[in-house]
Amino acid sequence: MRQILSQRVPEVSRALTEKLLIYALGRGLERYDRPTVNGITTRLAASNYGFQTLVREVVRSLPFQSRRAETVNAVVAAK
């Protein structure tokens, strides 16, 4: 398995980027998220695929910075 994954590092890193971004945003990815994913994977490749870089880039991304807290909105609406 390790050998197969090591042969497909760009594909694996893109899939991991998408999954982490989905988790961080609390929603699925949309078409307008594609440039963000492309940018993160490009910077990830430039840093030799470091996991720390992946997390940092997701946190610095515009979708993450612009997300709305759904739970806060639900609590406010319930009052």
C-alpha atoms as a PDB file:
ATOM      1  CA  MET A   1       0.000   0.000   0.000  1.00  0.00           C
ATOM      2  CA  ARG A   2       2.813   2.410   0.893  1.00  0.00           C
ATOM      3  CA  GLN A   3       4.429   1.824  -2.503  1.00  0.00           C
ATOM      4  CA  ILE A   4       1.183   2.519  -4.349  1.00  0.00           C
ATOM      5  CA  LEU A   5       0.579   5.715  -2.363  1.00  0.00           C
ATOM      6  CA  SER A   6       4.141   6.927  -2.878  1.00  0.00           C
ATOM      7  CA  GLN A   7       3.681   6.600  -6.648  1.00  0.00           C
ATOM      8  CA  ARG A   8       0.568   8.795  -6.545  1.00  0.00           C
ATOM      9  CA  VAL A   9       1.602  11.559  -4.157  1.00  0.00           C
ATOM     10  CA  PRO A  10      -0.047  14.424  -6.116  1.00  0.00           C
ATOM     11  CA  GLU A  11      -3.392  12.614  -6.308  1.00  0.00           C
ATOM     12  CA  VAL A  12      -3.280  11.568  -2.654  1.00  0.00           C
ATOM     13  CA  SER A  13      -2.353  15.072  -1.516  1.00  0.00           C
ATOM     14  CA  ARG A  14      -5.207  16.592  -3.556  1.00  0.00           C
ATOM     15  CA  ALA A  15      -7.702  14.119  -2.073  1.00  0.00           C
ATOM     16  CA  LEU A  16      -6.418  14.807   1.436  1.00  0.00           C
ATOM     17  CA  THR A  17      -6.613  18.568   0.799  1.00  0.00           C
ATOM     18  CA  GLU A  18     -10.226  18.268  -0.335  1.00  0.00           C
ATOM     19  CA  LYS A  19     -11.201  16.102   2.643  1.00  0.00           C
ATOM     20  CA  LEU A  20      -9.514  18.383   5.171  1.00  0.00           C
ATOM     21  CA  LEU A  21     -11.123  21.457   3.613  1.00  0.00           C
ATOM     22  CA  ILE A  22     -14.548  19.794   3.711  1.00  0.00           C
ATOM     23  CA  TYR A  23     -14.039  19.012   7.400  1.00  0.00           C
ATOM     24  CA  ALA A  24     -12.730  22.502   8.192  1.00  0.00           C
ATOM     25  CA  LEU A  25     -15.574  24.257   6.369  1.00  0.00           C
ATOM     26  CA  GLY A  26     -18.301  21.986   7.669  1.00  0.00           C
ATOM     27  CA  ARG A  27     -19.774  21.706   4.185  1.00  0.00           C
ATOM     28  CA  GLY A  28     -19.087  20.083   0.862  1.00  0.00           C
ATOM     29  CA  LEU A  29     -16.876  21.690  -1.725  1.00  0.00           C
ATOM     30  CA  GLU A  30     -18.432  23.749  -4.478  1.00  0.00           C
ATOM     31  CA  ARG A  31     -17.173  24.693  -7.917  1.00  0.00           C
ATOM     32  CA  TYR A  32     -15.978  28.050  -6.592  1.00  0.00           C
ATOM     33  CA  ASP A  33     -13.699  26.239  -4.094  1.00  0.00           C
ATOM     34  CA  ARG A  34     -11.630  24.710  -6.906  1.00  0.00           C
ATOM     35  CA  PRO A  35      -9.101  27.597  -7.133  1.00  0.00           C
ATOM     36  CA  THR A  36      -8.508  27.315  -3.397  1.00  0.00           C
ATOM     37  CA  VAL A  37      -7.857  23.572  -3.631  1.00  0.00           C
ATOM     38  CA  ASN A  38      -5.536  24.126  -6.610  1.00  0.00           C
ATOM     39  CA  GLY A  39      -3.589  26.811  -4.758  1.00  0.00           C
ATOM     40  CA  ILE A  40      -3.239  24.720  -1.618  1.00  0.00           C
ATOM     41  CA  THR A  41      -2.034  21.666  -3.542  1.00  0.00           C
ATOM     42  CA  THR A  42       0.488  23.778  -5.473  1.00  0.00           C
ATOM     43  CA  ARG A  43       1.938  25.239  -2.270  1.00  0.00           C
ATOM     44  CA  LEU A  44       1.843  21.792  -0.672  1.00  0.00           C
ATOM     45  CA  ALA A  45       3.931  20.340  -3.509  1.00  0.00           C
ATOM     46  CA  ALA A  46       6.415  23.225  -3.210  1.00  0.00           C
ATOM     47  CA  SER A  47       6.894  22.399   0.471  1.00  0.00           C
ATOM     48  CA  ASN A  48       7.525  18.709  -0.233  1.00  0.00           C
ATOM     49  CA  TYR A  49       4.034  17.687   0.904  1.00  0.00           C
ATOM     50  CA  GLY A  50       4.376  18.598   4.573  1.00  0.00           C
ATOM     51  CA  PHE A  51       1.236  18.012   6.635  1.00  0.00           C
ATOM     52  CA  GLN A  52       1.921  21.145   8.649  1.00  0.00           C
ATOM     53  CA  THR A  53       1.809  23.142   5.410  1.00  0.00           C
ATOM     54  CA  LEU A  54      -1.509  21.560   4.488  1.00  0.00           C
ATOM     55  CA  VAL A  55      -3.118  22.545   7.788  1.00  0.00           C
ATOM     56  CA  ARG A  56      -1.651  26.060   7.644  1.00  0.00           C
ATOM     57  CA  GLU A  57      -2.859  26.624   4.079  1.00  0.00           C
ATOM     58  CA  VAL A  58      -6.379  25.407   4.878  1.00  0.00           C
ATOM     59  CA  VAL A  59      -6.559  27.768   7.856  1.00  0.00           C
ATOM     60  CA  ARG A  60      -5.244  30.667   5.752  1.00  0.00           C
ATOM     61  CA  SER A  61      -7.644  29.993   2.880  1.00  0.00           C
ATOM     62  CA  LEU A  62     -10.395  32.468   2.037  1.00  0.00           C
ATOM     63  CA  PRO A  63     -13.226  29.923   2.405  1.00  0.00           C
ATOM     64  CA  PHE A  64     -12.037  29.018   5.907  1.00  0.00           C
ATOM     65  CA  GLN A  65     -11.526  32.647   6.914  1.00  0.00           C
ATOM     66  CA  SER A  66     -14.967  33.597   5.524  1.00  0.00           C
ATOM     67  CA  ARG A  67     -17.006  30.686   6.869  1.00  0.00           C
ATOM     68  CA  ARG A  68     -19.994  31.336   9.065  1.00  0.00           C
ATOM     69  CA  ALA A  69     -20.579  29.444  12.260  1.00  0.00           C
ATOM     70  CA  GLU A  70     -23.805  27.553  11.653  1.00  0.00           C
ATOM     71  CA  THR A  71     -24.147  26.541  15.293  1.00  0.00           C
ATOM     72  CA  VAL A  72     -23.988  30.165  16.438  1.00  0.00           C
ATOM     73  CA  ASN A  73     -26.665  31.114  13.925  1.00  0.00           C
ATOM     74  CA  ALA A  74     -28.877  28.241  15.095  1.00  0.00           C
ATOM     75  CA  VAL A  75     -28.547  29.281  18.750  1.00  0.00           C
ATOM     76  CA  VAL A  76     -29.347  32.911  17.962  1.00  0.00           C
ATOM     77  CA  ALA A  77     -32.349  31.884  15.863  1.00  0.00           C
ATOM     78  CA  ALA A  78     -33.670  29.656  18.669  1.00  0.00           C
ATOM     79  CA  LYS A  79     -33.834  32.560  21.155  1.00  0.00           C
END
